[in-house]
């Protein structure tokens, strides 16, 4: 009977350890999910910033072209 009790105690201990490990993995998975969401948000923000920079570069290029056209009107 003592051996059965020891076996049950050992099984309960193992189940408890597995339960704790699963809880830790659940917490880790939640942290990973939060960080993946943050990365996705940062990627969207970077994409928006790059698009804005591209628009600004196009505008500057257009202004430079206009300035060049105006400068060509002057003859020395």
C-alpha atoms as a PDB file:
ATOM      1  CA  UNK A   1       0.000   0.000   0.000  1.00  0.00           C
ATOM      2  CA  UNK A   2       2.891   2.314   0.775  1.00  0.00           C
ATOM      3  CA  UNK A   3       4.285   1.812  -2.751  1.00  0.00           C
ATOM      4  CA  UNK A   4       0.921   2.765  -4.266  1.00  0.00           C
ATOM      5  CA  UNK A   5       0.833   5.933  -2.163  1.00  0.00           C
ATOM      6  CA  UNK A   6       4.389   6.799  -3.227  1.00  0.00           C
ATOM      7  CA  UNK A   7       3.427   6.223  -6.859  1.00  0.00           C
ATOM      8  CA  UNK A   8       0.367   8.439  -6.510  1.00  0.00           C
ATOM      9  CA  UNK A   9       2.402  11.158  -4.783  1.00  0.00           C
ATOM     10  CA  UNK A  10       4.996  10.972  -7.551  1.00  0.00           C
ATOM     11  CA  UNK A  11       2.292  11.202 -10.228  1.00  0.00           C
ATOM     12  CA  UNK A  12       0.673  14.171  -8.478  1.00  0.00           C
ATOM     13  CA  UNK A  13       4.033  15.895  -8.250  1.00  0.00           C
ATOM     14  CA  UNK A  14       4.645  15.319 -11.951  1.00  0.00           C
ATOM     15  CA  UNK A  15       1.190  16.630 -12.845  1.00  0.00           C
ATOM     16  CA  UNK A  16       1.817  19.714 -10.704  1.00  0.00           C
ATOM     17  CA  UNK A  17       5.159  20.362 -12.418  1.00  0.00           C
ATOM     18  CA  UNK A  18       3.557  19.948 -15.843  1.00  0.00           C
ATOM     19  CA  UNK A  19       0.771  22.322 -14.849  1.00  0.00           C
ATOM     20  CA  UNK A  20       3.288  24.941 -13.696  1.00  0.00           C
ATOM     21  CA  UNK A  21       5.298  24.534 -16.915  1.00  0.00           C
ATOM     22  CA  UNK A  22       2.147  24.981 -18.998  1.00  0.00           C
ATOM     23  CA  UNK A  23       1.253  28.129 -17.070  1.00  0.00           C
ATOM     24  CA  UNK A  24       4.736  29.543 -17.686  1.00  0.00           C
ATOM     25  CA  UNK A  25       4.519  28.678 -21.369  1.00  0.00           C
ATOM     26  CA  UNK A  26       1.115  30.366 -21.529  1.00  0.00           C
ATOM     27  CA  UNK A  27       2.562  33.540 -20.022  1.00  0.00           C
ATOM     28  CA  UNK A  28       5.523  33.410 -22.413  1.00  0.00           C
ATOM     29  CA  UNK A  29       3.188  32.912 -25.371  1.00  0.00           C
ATOM     30  CA  UNK A  30       1.161  35.934 -24.293  1.00  0.00           C
ATOM     31  CA  UNK A  31       4.313  38.056 -24.094  1.00  0.00           C
ATOM     32  CA  UNK A  32       5.394  36.882 -27.532  1.00  0.00           C
ATOM     33  CA  UNK A  33       1.962  37.759 -28.940  1.00  0.00           C
ATOM     34  CA  UNK A  34       2.102  41.247 -27.391  1.00  0.00           C
ATOM     35  CA  UNK A  35       5.584  41.851 -28.793  1.00  0.00           C
ATOM     36  CA  UNK A  36       4.620  40.573 -32.240  1.00  0.00           C
ATOM     37  CA  UNK A  37       1.707  43.031 -32.202  1.00  0.00           C
ATOM     38  CA  UNK A  38       4.089  45.850 -31.230  1.00  0.00           C
ATOM     39  CA  UNK A  39       6.408  44.908 -34.100  1.00  0.00           C
ATOM     40  CA  UNK A  40       3.472  44.870 -36.524  1.00  0.00           C
ATOM     41  CA  UNK A  41       2.414  48.321 -35.324  1.00  0.00           C
ATOM     42  CA  UNK A  42       5.961  49.647 -35.666  1.00  0.00           C
ATOM     43  CA  UNK A  43       6.145  48.174 -39.182  1.00  0.00           C
ATOM     44  CA  UNK A  44       2.950  50.016 -40.121  1.00  0.00           C
ATOM     45  CA  UNK A  45       4.327  53.254 -38.658  1.00  0.00           C
ATOM     46  CA  UNK A  46       7.598  52.784 -40.566  1.00  0.00           C
ATOM     47  CA  UNK A  47       5.705  52.122 -43.784  1.00  0.00           C
ATOM     48  CA  UNK A  48       3.710  55.323 -43.309  1.00  0.00           C
ATOM     49  CA  UNK A  49       6.888  57.282 -42.581  1.00  0.00           C
ATOM     50  CA  UNK A  50       8.617  55.896 -45.679  1.00  0.00           C
ATOM     51  CA  UNK A  51       5.622  56.824 -47.832  1.00  0.00           C
ATOM     52  CA  UNK A  52       5.691  60.342 -46.393  1.00  0.00           C
ATOM     53  CA  UNK A  53       9.429  60.626 -47.046  1.00  0.00           C
ATOM     54  CA  UNK A  54       8.883  59.441 -50.605  1.00  0.00           C
ATOM     55  CA  UNK A  55       6.216  62.100 -51.127  1.00  0.00           C
ATOM     56  CA  UNK A  56       8.538  64.740 -49.672  1.00  0.00           C
ATOM     57  CA  UNK A  57      11.395  63.620 -51.914  1.00  0.00           C
ATOM     58  CA  UNK A  58       9.108  63.804 -54.964  1.00  0.00           C
ATOM     59  CA  UNK A  59       8.027  67.317 -53.950  1.00  0.00           C
ATOM     60  CA  UNK A  60      11.631  68.455 -53.455  1.00  0.00           C
ATOM     61  CA  UNK A  61      12.551  66.980 -56.831  1.00  0.00           C
ATOM     62  CA  UNK A  62       9.699  68.906 -58.439  1.00  0.00           C
ATOM     63  CA  UNK A  63      10.786  72.124 -56.716  1.00  0.00           C
ATOM     64  CA  UNK A  64      14.364  71.544 -57.881  1.00  0.00           C
ATOM     65  CA  UNK A  65      13.120  71.082 -61.450  1.00  0.00           C
ATOM     66  CA  UNK A  66      11.135  74.331 -61.209  1.00  0.00           C
ATOM     67  CA  UNK A  67      14.141  76.147 -59.783  1.00  0.00           C
ATOM     68  CA  UNK A  68      16.314  74.801 -62.578  1.00  0.00           C
ATOM     69  CA  UNK A  69      13.811  76.032 -65.174  1.00  0.00           C
ATOM     70  CA  UNK A  70      13.740  79.475 -63.589  1.00  0.00           C
ATOM     71  CA  UNK A  71      17.524  79.620 -63.370  1.00  0.00           C
ATOM     72  CA  UNK A  72      17.851  78.822 -67.089  1.00  0.00           C
ATOM     73  CA  UNK A  73      15.954  82.020 -67.906  1.00  0.00           C
ATOM     74  CA  UNK A  74      18.879  84.087 -66.693  1.00  0.00           C
ATOM     75  CA  UNK A  75      21.714  84.630 -69.144  1.00  0.00           C
ATOM     76  CA  UNK A  76      25.001  86.176 -68.250  1.00  0.00           C
END
